[in-house]
C-alpha atoms as a PDB file:
ATOM      1  CA  MET A   1      -1.503  29.467  -5.099  1.00  0.00           C
ATOM      2  CA  LEU A   2      -2.887  32.990  -4.673  1.00  0.00           C
ATOM      3  CA  ARG A   3      -4.025  33.118  -8.216  1.00  0.00           C
ATOM      4  CA  ALA A   4      -5.990  29.807  -7.886  1.00  0.00           C
ATOM      5  CA  CYS A   5      -7.580  30.919  -4.649  1.00  0.00           C
ATOM      6  CA  SER A   6      -8.762  34.100  -6.342  1.00  0.00           C
ATOM      7  CA  ILE A   7     -10.330  32.327  -9.242  1.00  0.00           C
ATOM      8  CA  ILE A   8     -11.961  29.754  -6.842  1.00  0.00           C
ATOM      9  CA  CYS A   9     -13.484  32.611  -4.692  1.00  0.00           C
ATOM     10  CA  THR A  10     -14.772  34.545  -7.796  1.00  0.00           C
ATOM     11  CA  LEU A  11     -16.496  31.425  -9.062  1.00  0.00           C
ATOM     12  CA  GLN A  12     -18.235  30.561  -5.750  1.00  0.00           C
ATOM     13  CA  LEU A  13     -19.362  34.333  -5.439  1.00  0.00           C
ATOM     14  CA  GLY A  14     -20.795  34.096  -9.007  1.00  0.00           C
ATOM     15  CA  ILE A  15     -22.453  30.777  -7.994  1.00  0.00           C
ATOM     16  CA  ALA A  16     -23.955  32.309  -4.840  1.00  0.00           C
ATOM     17  CA  LEU A  17     -25.305  35.194  -6.903  1.00  0.00           C
ATOM     18  CA  ARG A  18     -26.910  32.875  -9.479  1.00  0.00           C
ATOM     19  CA  HIS A  19     -28.665  30.893  -6.670  1.00  0.00           C
ATOM     20  CA  HIS A  20     -29.972  34.150  -5.239  1.00  0.00           C
ATOM     21  CA  SER A  21     -31.222  35.244  -8.704  1.00  0.00           C
ATOM     22  CA  ALA A  22     -33.043  32.046  -9.184  1.00  0.00           C
ATOM     23  CA  ILE A  23     -34.897  32.387  -5.990  1.00  0.00           C
ATOM     24  CA  LEU A  24     -36.327  35.906  -7.140  1.00  0.00           C
ATOM     25  CA  LEU A  25     -37.264  34.497 -10.536  1.00  0.00           C
ATOM     26  CA  PRO A  26     -41.030  34.109 -10.730  1.00  0.00           C
ATOM     27  CA  GLU A  27     -42.190  30.671 -11.387  1.00  0.00           C
ATOM     28  CA  HIS A  28     -44.130  31.483 -14.567  1.00  0.00           C
ATOM     29  CA  GLN A  29     -41.115  32.907 -16.193  1.00  0.00           C
ATOM     30  CA  GLN A  30     -39.088  29.742 -15.836  1.00  0.00           C
ATOM     31  CA  GLU A  31     -38.432  28.057 -19.288  1.00  0.00           C
ATOM     32  CA  GLU A  32     -38.652  24.433 -20.180  1.00  0.00           C
ATOM     33  CA  CYS A  33     -35.238  22.853 -20.576  1.00  0.00           C
ATOM     34  CA  PRO A  34     -34.342  21.412 -23.984  1.00  0.00           C
ATOM     35  CA  SER A  35     -34.724  17.583 -24.316  1.00  0.00           C
ATOM     36  CA  SER A  36     -31.265  17.352 -25.968  1.00  0.00           C
ATOM     37  CA  GLY A  37     -29.699  18.908 -22.742  1.00  0.00           C
ATOM     38  CA  ALA A  38     -27.779  22.078 -22.016  1.00  0.00           C
ATOM     39  CA  LYS A  39     -24.365  22.987 -21.081  1.00  0.00           C
ATOM     40  CA  LEU A  40     -22.471  26.023 -19.773  1.00  0.00           C
ATOM     41  CA  ASP A  41     -21.011  28.380 -22.357  1.00  0.00           C
ATOM     42  CA  GLY A  42     -17.983  29.319 -20.407  1.00  0.00           C
ATOM     43  CA  LYS A  43     -19.174  32.993 -20.224  1.00  0.00           C
ATOM     44  CA  GLY A  44     -21.654  32.635 -17.425  1.00  0.00           C
ATOM     45  CA  GLY A  45     -24.474  31.546 -19.533  1.00  0.00           C
ATOM     46  CA  CYS A  46     -26.349  28.166 -20.280  1.00  0.00           C
ATOM     47  CA  ILE A  47     -26.877  27.148 -24.043  1.00  0.00           C
ATOM     48  CA  ASP A  48     -28.655  24.237 -25.767  1.00  0.00           C
ATOM     49  CA  ALA A  49     -27.175  22.047 -28.516  1.00  0.00           C
ATOM     50  CA  GLN A  50     -27.689  24.796 -31.019  1.00  0.00           C
ATOM     51  CA  HIS A  51     -25.884  27.310 -28.934  1.00  0.00           C
ATOM     52  CA  VAL A  52     -29.114  29.141 -28.100  1.00  0.00           C
ATOM     53  CA  GLN A  53     -29.296  30.776 -24.725  1.00  0.00           C
ATOM     54  CA  VAL A  54     -31.496  28.888 -22.210  1.00  0.00           C
ATOM     55  CA  SER A  55     -32.568  29.237 -18.593  1.00  0.00           C
ATOM     56  CA  MET A  56     -29.617  28.969 -16.096  1.00  0.00           C
ATOM     57  CA  ASP A  57     -31.921  26.227 -14.342  1.00  0.00           C
ATOM     58  CA  CYS A  58     -31.138  23.935 -17.217  1.00  0.00           C
ATOM     59  CA  CYS A  59     -27.443  23.843 -16.292  1.00  0.00           C
ATOM     60  CA  GLU A  60     -28.132  23.286 -12.472  1.00  0.00           C
ATOM     61  CA  ASP A  61     -26.434  19.848 -12.511  1.00  0.00           C
ATOM     62  CA  GLN A  62     -23.319  21.227 -14.058  1.00  0.00           C
ATOM     63  CA  PHE A  63     -23.364  24.064 -11.447  1.00  0.00           C
ATOM     64  CA  ASP A  64     -23.358  21.424  -8.755  1.00  0.00           C
ATOM     65  CA  CYS A  65     -20.345  19.731 -10.361  1.00  0.00           C
ATOM     66  CA  GLN A  66     -18.504  23.052 -10.432  1.00  0.00           C
ATOM     67  CA  ASP A  67     -19.280  23.623  -6.732  1.00  0.00           C
ATOM     68  CA  LYS A  68     -17.835  20.223  -5.983  1.00  0.00           C
ATOM     69  CA  VAL A  69     -14.737  20.796  -8.190  1.00  0.00           C
ATOM     70  CA  ASN A  70     -14.157  24.177  -6.620  1.00  0.00           C
ATOM     71  CA  GLU A  71     -14.195  22.767  -3.194  1.00  0.00           C
ATOM     72  CA  LEU A  72     -11.875  19.866  -4.194  1.00  0.00           C
ATOM     73  CA  SER A  73      -9.480  22.353  -5.755  1.00  0.00           C
ATOM     74  CA  MET A  74      -9.393  24.417  -2.471  1.00  0.00           C
ATOM     75  CA  GLN A  75      -8.992  21.552  -0.228  1.00  0.00           C
ATOM     76  CA  CYS A  76      -6.118  20.287  -2.470  1.00  0.00           C
ATOM     77  CA  SER A  77      -4.364  23.658  -2.219  1.00  0.00           C
ATOM     78  CA  LEU A  78      -4.750  23.646   1.576  1.00  0.00           C
ATOM     79  CA  GLN A  79      -3.446  20.172   1.779  1.00  0.00           C
ATOM     80  CA  ILE A  80      -0.361  20.981  -0.346  1.00  0.00           C
ATOM     81  CA  GLN A  81       0.315  24.070   1.911  1.00  0.00           C
ATOM     82  CA  THR A  82       0.151  21.813   4.838  1.00  0.00           C
ATOM     83  CA  PHE A  83       2.644  19.517   3.421  1.00  0.00           C
ATOM     84  CA  MET A  84       5.098  22.229   2.644  1.00  0.00           C
ATOM     85  CA  GLN A  85       4.777  23.861   5.947  1.00  0.00           C
ATOM     86  CA  GLY A  86       4.501  20.651   8.142  1.00  0.00           C
ATOM     87  CA  CYS A  87       7.304  18.824   6.237  1.00  0.00           C
ATOM     88  CA  GLN A  88       9.475  22.003   5.685  1.00  0.00           C
ATOM     89  CA  ILE A  89       9.411  21.626   1.898  1.00  0.00           C
ATOM     90  CA  GLY A  90      10.922  24.630   0.270  1.00  0.00           C
ATOM     91  CA  ALA A  91      10.713  25.954  -3.346  1.00  0.00           C
ATOM     92  CA  GLY A  92      13.924  24.092  -4.077  1.00  0.00           C
ATOM     93  CA  ASP A  93      12.534  20.755  -3.240  1.00  0.00           C
ATOM     94  CA  ILE A  94       9.936  20.776  -5.913  1.00  0.00           C
ATOM     95  CA  SER A  95       9.681  21.164  -9.611  1.00  0.00           C
ATOM     96  CA  SER A  96       6.698  22.540 -11.612  1.00  0.00           C
ATOM     97  CA  SER A  97       5.251  21.512 -14.941  1.00  0.00           C
ATOM     98  CA  SER A  98       1.991  21.716 -16.892  1.00  0.00           C
ATOM     99  CA  THR A  99       0.978  18.413 -15.077  1.00  0.00           C
ATOM    100  CA  GLY A 100       1.547  19.646 -11.725  1.00  0.00           C
ATOM    101  CA  LEU A 101       4.197  19.735  -8.900  1.00  0.00           C
ATOM    102  CA  GLN A 102       6.737  17.025  -8.400  1.00  0.00           C
ATOM    103  CA  LEU A 103       9.051  16.632  -5.332  1.00  0.00           C
ATOM    104  CA  THR A 104      12.798  16.533  -6.262  1.00  0.00           C
ATOM    105  CA  ASP A 105      13.694  15.281  -2.838  1.00  0.00           C
ATOM    106  CA  ASP A 106      11.316  12.878  -0.990  1.00  0.00           C
ATOM    107  CA  SER A 107      13.371  12.778   2.134  1.00  0.00           C
ATOM    108  CA  ARG A 108      11.614  15.528   3.934  1.00  0.00           C
ATOM    109  CA  MET A 109       8.464  13.467   3.826  1.00  0.00           C
ATOM    110  CA  CYS A 110      10.116  10.759   5.939  1.00  0.00           C
ATOM    111  CA  THR A 111      10.944  12.981   8.897  1.00  0.00           C
ATOM    112  CA  GLU A 112       9.067  12.201  12.285  1.00  0.00           C
ATOM    113  CA  GLU A 113       7.487  15.582  12.275  1.00  0.00           C
ATOM    114  CA  CYS A 114       5.989  15.085   8.824  1.00  0.00           C
ATOM    115  CA  GLN A 115       4.929  11.475   9.291  1.00  0.00           C
ATOM    116  CA  THR A 116       2.954  12.297  12.533  1.00  0.00           C
ATOM    117  CA  HIS A 117       1.483  15.622  11.375  1.00  0.00           C
ATOM    118  CA  GLU A 118      -2.173  15.480  12.490  1.00  0.00           C
ATOM    119  CA  ALA A 119      -3.645  17.306   9.432  1.00  0.00           C
ATOM    120  CA  LEU A 120      -1.836  14.887   7.086  1.00  0.00           C
ATOM    121  CA  THR A 121      -2.858  11.759   9.070  1.00  0.00           C
ATOM    122  CA  ASP A 122      -6.475  12.734   9.382  1.00  0.00           C
ATOM    123  CA  ALA A 123      -7.549  14.627   6.242  1.00  0.00           C
ATOM    124  CA  ASP A 124      -7.989  13.134   2.642  1.00  0.00           C
ATOM    125  CA  PRO A 125      -9.385  15.616   0.104  1.00  0.00           C
ATOM    126  CA  LEU A 126      -8.983  12.957  -2.663  1.00  0.00           C
ATOM    127  CA  ALA A 127     -11.220  10.437  -0.929  1.00  0.00           C
ATOM    128  CA  ASP A 128     -14.161  10.970  -3.248  1.00  0.00           C
ATOM    129  CA  LEU A 129     -12.117  11.714  -6.487  1.00  0.00           C
ATOM    130  CA  ASP A 130     -13.263   8.482  -8.332  1.00  0.00           C
ATOM    131  CA  ILE A 131     -16.899   9.443  -7.778  1.00  0.00           C
ATOM    132  CA  LEU A 132     -16.254  13.059  -8.938  1.00  0.00           C
ATOM    133  CA  ARG A 133     -14.413  11.647 -12.050  1.00  0.00           C
ATOM    134  CA  SER A 134     -17.471   9.610 -13.006  1.00  0.00           C
ATOM    135  CA  GLN A 135     -19.997  12.385 -12.491  1.00  0.00           C
ATOM    136  CA  CYS A 136     -18.051  15.555 -13.261  1.00  0.00           C
ATOM    137  CA  SER A 137     -15.347  14.647 -15.688  1.00  0.00           C
ATOM    138  CA  LYS A 138     -15.498  17.857 -17.797  1.00  0.00           C
ATOM    139  CA  GLU A 139     -15.500  20.193 -14.892  1.00  0.00           C
ATOM    140  CA  LEU A 140     -12.637  18.345 -13.280  1.00  0.00           C
ATOM    141  CA  GLU A 141     -10.272  18.752 -16.182  1.00  0.00           C
ATOM    142  CA  PRO A 142      -9.104  22.365 -15.388  1.00  0.00           C
ATOM    143  CA  VAL A 143      -8.000  21.442 -11.867  1.00  0.00           C
ATOM    144  CA  MET A 144      -6.283  18.042 -12.630  1.00  0.00           C
ATOM    145  CA  ALA A 145      -2.886  19.648 -12.293  1.00  0.00           C
ATOM    146  CA  ILE A 146      -3.530  20.448  -8.580  1.00  0.00           C
ATOM    147  CA  VAL A 147      -5.055  17.144  -8.054  1.00  0.00           C
ATOM    148  CA  ALA A 148      -2.080  15.385  -9.630  1.00  0.00           C
ATOM    149  CA  SER A 149       0.277  17.571  -7.445  1.00  0.00           C
ATOM    150  CA  LEU A 150      -1.365  16.334  -4.192  1.00  0.00           C
ATOM    151  CA  GLN A 151      -1.365  12.747  -5.399  1.00  0.00           C
ATOM    152  CA  SER A 152       2.417  12.958  -5.940  1.00  0.00           C
ATOM    153  CA  PHE A 153       2.821  14.364  -2.410  1.00  0.00           C
ATOM    154  CA  ASN A 154       0.548  11.730  -1.002  1.00  0.00           C
ATOM    155  CA  MET A 155       2.437   8.934  -2.705  1.00  0.00           C
ATOM    156  CA  ALA A 156       5.862  10.201  -1.415  1.00  0.00           C
ATOM    157  CA  TRP A 157       4.468  10.434   2.152  1.00  0.00           C
ATOM    158  CA  ALA A 158       2.777   7.075   2.057  1.00  0.00           C
ATOM    159  CA  GLY A 159       6.082   5.696   0.609  1.00  0.00           C
ATOM    160  CA  CYS A 160       7.848   6.753   3.659  1.00  0.00           C
ATOM    161  CA  LEU A 161       5.224   5.230   5.905  1.00  0.00           C
ATOM    162  CA  SER A 162       5.357   1.943   4.151  1.00  0.00           C
ATOM    163  CA  GLU A 163       9.141   1.854   4.569  1.00  0.00           C
ATOM    164  CA  ALA A 164       8.791   2.721   8.283  1.00  0.00           C
ATOM    165  CA  ARG A 165       6.106  -0.156   8.690  1.00  0.00           C
ATOM    166  CA  GLU A 166       8.420  -2.591   6.810  1.00  0.00           C
ATOM    167  CA  ALA A 167      11.352  -1.681   9.004  1.00  0.00           C
ATOM    168  CA  ALA A 168       9.280  -2.086  12.064  1.00  0.00           C
ATOM    169  CA  ALA A 169       7.818  -5.306  10.935  1.00  0.00           C
ATOM    170  CA  GLU A 170      11.367  -6.638  10.109  1.00  0.00           C
ATOM    171  CA  ASN A 171      12.468  -5.655  13.452  1.00  0.00           C
ATOM    172  CA  ASP A 172       9.584  -7.528  15.220  1.00  0.00           C
ATOM    173  CA  LEU A 173      10.424 -10.637  13.228  1.00  0.00           C
ATOM    174  CA  ALA A 174      14.176 -10.542  13.948  1.00  0.00           C
ATOM    175  CA  GLU A 175      13.632  -9.834  17.590  1.00  0.00           C
ATOM    176  CA  GLY A 176      10.741 -12.286  17.895  1.00  0.00           C
ATOM    177  CA  VAL A 177       8.329  -9.650  19.197  1.00  0.00           C
ATOM    178  CA  GLY A 178       5.307 -11.115  20.889  1.00  0.00           C
ATOM    179  CA  LEU A 179       7.074 -14.370  21.682  1.00  0.00           C
ATOM    180  CA  GLU A 180       8.443 -15.821  24.808  1.00  0.00           C
ATOM    181  CA  ASP A 181      12.258 -15.872  25.320  1.00  0.00           C
ATOM    182  CA  THR A 182      12.310 -19.627  24.469  1.00  0.00           C
ATOM    183  CA  GLU A 183      10.267 -19.174  21.320  1.00  0.00           C
ATOM    184  CA  ALA A 184      11.180 -18.339  17.789  1.00  0.00           C
ATOM    185  CA  TRP A 185       9.235 -17.959  14.405  1.00  0.00           C
ATOM    186  CA  LEU A 186       9.783 -20.792  11.880  1.00  0.00           C
ATOM    187  CA  HIS A 187      10.240 -18.901   8.626  1.00  0.00           C
ATOM    188  CA  HIS A 188       9.297 -20.428   5.405  1.00  0.00           C
ATOM    189  CA  TYR A 189      11.156 -19.664   2.057  1.00  0.00           C
ATOM    190  CA  TRP A 190      10.858 -20.947  -1.618  1.00  0.00           C
ATOM    191  CA  ASN A 191      13.310 -21.019  -4.337  1.00  0.00           C
ATOM    192  CA  PRO A 192      11.642 -21.267  -7.841  1.00  0.00           C
ATOM    193  CA  ARG A 193      14.866 -21.858  -9.574  1.00  0.00           C
ATOM    194  CA  ILE A 194      15.858 -25.123  -7.795  1.00  0.00           C
ATOM    195  CA  ARG A 195      12.111 -25.731  -6.643  1.00  0.00           C
ATOM    196  CA  ASP A 196      13.030 -26.222  -3.006  1.00  0.00           C
ATOM    197  CA  HIS A 197      11.268 -25.155   0.215  1.00  0.00           C
ATOM    198  CA  PHE A 198      13.453 -23.901   3.064  1.00  0.00           C
ATOM    199  CA  TYR A 199      12.578 -23.451   6.779  1.00  0.00           C
ATOM    200  CA  THR A 200      14.623 -21.674   9.452  1.00  0.00           C
ATOM    201  CA  ALA A 201      14.060 -20.051  12.919  1.00  0.00           C
ATOM    202  CA  ASP A 202      17.076 -17.714  12.255  1.00  0.00           C
ATOM    203  CA  TRP A 203      15.680 -14.622  10.648  1.00  0.00           C
ATOM    204  CA  ASN A 204      19.062 -13.307   9.684  1.00  0.00           C
ATOM    205  CA  GLU A 205      19.767 -16.269   7.411  1.00  0.00           C
ATOM    206  CA  LEU A 206      17.561 -14.950   4.614  1.00  0.00           C
ATOM    207  CA  ARG A 207      15.490 -12.080   6.167  1.00  0.00           C
ATOM    208  CA  HIS A 208      12.980 -10.966   3.601  1.00  0.00           C
ATOM    209  CA  GLY A 209      14.608 -13.137   0.984  1.00  0.00           C
ATOM    210  CA  ARG A 210      18.022 -13.273  -0.784  1.00  0.00           C
ATOM    211  CA  TYR A 211      20.224 -15.593  -2.957  1.00  0.00           C
ATOM    212  CA  GLY A 212      17.138 -16.591  -5.037  1.00  0.00           C
ATOM    213  CA  TRP A 213      14.897 -17.395  -1.960  1.00  0.00           C
ATOM    214  CA  LEU A 214      11.490 -15.778  -1.731  1.00  0.00           C
ATOM    215  CA  TYR A 215       9.998 -15.256   1.785  1.00  0.00           C
ATOM    216  CA  ALA A 216       6.657 -16.990   2.215  1.00  0.00           C
ATOM    217  CA  GLY A 217       5.896 -16.071   5.813  1.00  0.00           C
ATOM    218  CA  ALA A 218       6.121 -17.559   9.227  1.00  0.00           C
ATOM    219  CA  VAL A 219       4.382 -21.046   9.561  1.00  0.00           C
ATOM    220  CA  GLY A 220       4.464 -21.106  13.344  1.00  0.00           C
ATOM    221  CA  MET A 221       6.689 -21.037  16.349  1.00  0.00           C
ATOM    222  CA  LEU A 222       9.371 -23.436  17.655  1.00  0.00           C
ATOM    223  CA  SER A 223      11.194 -23.563  20.909  1.00  0.00           C
ATOM    224  CA  ARG A 224      14.836 -22.328  20.883  1.00  0.00           C
ATOM    225  CA  LYS A 225      15.736 -24.681  23.738  1.00  0.00           C
ATOM    226  CA  PRO A 226      14.809 -28.268  24.535  1.00  0.00           C
ATOM    227  CA  LEU A 227      11.810 -28.308  26.907  1.00  0.00           C
ATOM    228  CA  PRO A 228      10.124 -31.246  28.611  1.00  0.00           C
ATOM    229  CA  GLY A 229       8.135 -33.033  25.933  1.00  0.00           C
ATOM    230  CA  THR A 230      10.035 -31.490  22.886  1.00  0.00           C
ATOM    231  CA  VAL A 231      12.340 -33.103  20.386  1.00  0.00           C
ATOM    232  CA  PRO A 232      14.828 -31.700  17.975  1.00  0.00           C
ATOM    233  CA  LEU A 233      13.765 -30.811  14.357  1.00  0.00           C
ATOM    234  CA  TYR A 234      16.796 -31.669  12.394  1.00  0.00           C
ATOM    235  CA  ARG A 235      17.749 -29.863   9.113  1.00  0.00           C
ATOM    236  CA  TYR A 236      19.504 -31.655   6.180  1.00  0.00           C
ATOM    237  CA  TRP A 237      20.587 -30.540   2.854  1.00  0.00           C
ATOM    238  CA  LYS A 238      21.230 -32.629  -0.343  1.00  0.00           C
ATOM    239  CA  ALA A 239      23.351 -30.764  -2.876  1.00  0.00           C
ATOM    240  CA  GLY A 240      23.078 -31.038  -6.622  1.00  0.00           C
ATOM    241  CA  ARG A 241      21.083 -29.688  -9.522  1.00  0.00           C
ATOM    242  CA  ALA A 242      17.853 -30.758  -7.758  1.00  0.00           C
ATOM    243  CA  GLY A 243      18.929 -29.446  -4.313  1.00  0.00           C
ATOM    244  CA  ASP A 244      16.539 -30.415  -1.420  1.00  0.00           C
ATOM    245  CA  HIS A 245      16.163 -29.500   2.222  1.00  0.00           C
ATOM    246  CA  PHE A 246      14.852 -32.256   4.443  1.00  0.00           C
ATOM    247  CA  TYR A 247      13.465 -31.923   8.001  1.00  0.00           C
ATOM    248  CA  THR A 248      12.707 -34.572  10.432  1.00  0.00           C
ATOM    249  CA  THR A 249      12.347 -35.377  14.140  1.00  0.00           C
ATOM    250  CA  ASN A 250      13.815 -38.849  13.574  1.00  0.00           C
ATOM    251  CA  ALA A 251      17.551 -38.862  13.060  1.00  0.00           C
ATOM    252  CA  MET A 252      17.447 -42.408  11.984  1.00  0.00           C
ATOM    253  CA  GLU A 253      16.035 -41.466   8.581  1.00  0.00           C
ATOM    254  CA  VAL A 254      19.416 -39.965   7.641  1.00  0.00           C
ATOM    255  CA  GLY A 255      21.597 -41.709  10.297  1.00  0.00           C
ATOM    256  CA  THR A 256      23.773 -38.721  11.364  1.00  0.00           C
ATOM    257  CA  THR A 257      23.420 -35.736  13.599  1.00  0.00           C
ATOM    258  CA  THR A 258      27.206 -34.717  13.146  1.00  0.00           C
ATOM    259  CA  LEU A 259      27.562 -31.185  11.737  1.00  0.00           C
ATOM    260  CA  GLY A 260      28.638 -31.269   8.075  1.00  0.00           C
ATOM    261  CA  GLN A 261      28.383 -35.052   7.793  1.00  0.00           C
ATOM    262  CA  VAL A 262      26.603 -36.752   4.813  1.00  0.00           C
ATOM    263  CA  GLY A 263      24.337 -39.375   5.807  1.00  0.00           C
ATOM    264  CA  LEU A 264      21.813 -41.696   3.969  1.00  0.00           C
ATOM    265  CA  HIS A 265      20.455 -40.718   0.547  1.00  0.00           C
ATOM    266  CA  GLY A 266      23.168 -38.008   0.128  1.00  0.00           C
ATOM    267  CA  TYR A 267      21.689 -35.652   2.849  1.00  0.00           C
ATOM    268  CA  LYS A 268      24.206 -33.561   4.946  1.00  0.00           C
ATOM    269  CA  PHE A 269      23.389 -32.649   8.421  1.00  0.00           C
ATOM    270  CA  GLU A 270      23.220 -28.776   8.771  1.00  0.00           C
ATOM    271  CA  ASN A 271      21.746 -28.031  12.206  1.00  0.00           C
ATOM    272  CA  ILE A 272      18.897 -28.244  14.604  1.00  0.00           C
ATOM    273  CA  ALA A 273      16.168 -25.923  13.291  1.00  0.00           C
ATOM    274  CA  GLY A 274      14.456 -25.825  16.738  1.00  0.00           C
ATOM    275  CA  TYR A 275      12.537 -27.982  19.151  1.00  0.00           C
ATOM    276  CA  CYS A 276       8.867 -29.085  18.588  1.00  0.00           C
ATOM    277  CA  TRP A 277       6.602 -31.318  20.679  1.00  0.00           C
ATOM    278  CA  ALA A 278       6.659 -35.055  19.975  1.00  0.00           C
ATOM    279  CA  GLU A 279       2.837 -35.208  20.714  1.00  0.00           C
ATOM    280  CA  GLN A 280       0.229 -32.468  20.055  1.00  0.00           C
ATOM    281  CA  VAL A 281      -0.442 -30.569  23.269  1.00  0.00           C
ATOM    282  CA  GLN A 282      -2.869 -27.561  24.020  1.00  0.00           C
ATOM    283  CA  GLY A 283      -1.932 -24.407  21.830  1.00  0.00           C
ATOM    284  CA  THR A 284       0.018 -26.355  19.272  1.00  0.00           C
ATOM    285  CA  VAL A 285      -0.816 -27.511  15.708  1.00  0.00           C
ATOM    286  CA  PRO A 286       0.825 -30.293  13.723  1.00  0.00           C
ATOM    287  CA  LEU A 287       3.734 -29.520  11.272  1.00  0.00           C
ATOM    288  CA  HIS A 288       3.121 -31.908   8.333  1.00  0.00           C
ATOM    289  CA  ARG A 289       5.726 -32.915   5.823  1.00  0.00           C
ATOM    290  CA  GLY A 290       5.151 -33.475   2.175  1.00  0.00           C
ATOM    291  CA  TRP A 291       7.033 -35.063  -0.634  1.00  0.00           C
ATOM    292  CA  ARG A 292       6.890 -34.300  -4.432  1.00  0.00           C
ATOM    293  CA  ALA A 293       8.044 -37.632  -5.916  1.00  0.00           C
ATOM    294  CA  HIS A 294       7.294 -37.014  -9.599  1.00  0.00           C
ATOM    295  CA  GLY A 295       9.363 -35.206 -12.120  1.00  0.00           C
ATOM    296  CA  ALA A 296      13.076 -34.352 -12.135  1.00  0.00           C
ATOM    297  CA  ARG A 297      12.806 -31.894  -9.326  1.00  0.00           C
ATOM    298  CA  LYS A 298      11.827 -33.873  -6.319  1.00  0.00           C
ATOM    299  CA  ASP A 299      11.262 -31.922  -3.265  1.00  0.00           C
ATOM    300  CA  HIS A 300      10.289 -32.305   0.446  1.00  0.00           C
ATOM    301  CA  PHE A 301       7.779 -29.741   1.650  1.00  0.00           C
END
């Protein structure tokens, strides 16, 4: 860290002196820049395509890039130091290579102190990295190790944040946050193997998806209890290779509401998914039912 800072400070001092010298240079002594362009020679000079020394003004754009890269390198160093101090990361928690620093233990990134650190939530030194890559790719090469180091730290930190958000969202779905005591989300799942759609108001049945079922989101809300104007939404299951769940508010379609009993067309009554309104009232939307009749895998949707 200290060595990198010393190099940066020296470069910035040299740049400042160069600008100061340019101001003192009489206008009539300024040289015309070569049409083929010019580049820094790595020794503090500016050369053309034939490696002939030309005016430093001809390399002005490259000095602008160097200024930006130096600033990026310094900001990355400071942000990494903030990570290590704010998240209590020690030397034993990181490994070093030619490509940069890597965390050997991401758990320190997930502490509350680390996740809520003001300097980490507000600052983003890499916000303009793509622009800098397109404009100053050559000047950026020497500092890519420190850029990659910060990127790895950012990914570990953001990963903890994503896990925390997912856990909070799962908790909200499970507890029905934002719903009345009598309401529940109607969750939608899809099983691509048996090509079947499944709906449940019980989050704990499949949660984010399991047993081959993929979570497709909540389609709306049902009432947990019978209310004036509501009717049961019955759930049935037809076993077999082309398994199919079937939902209806008309029990006569299957002919049974006895738990576990098989009714018409081979559908077995499983439970009451919830209660919905028989007629549309203010604040509700229709729950439509579809049927895929073609092919071997017929399916209610």
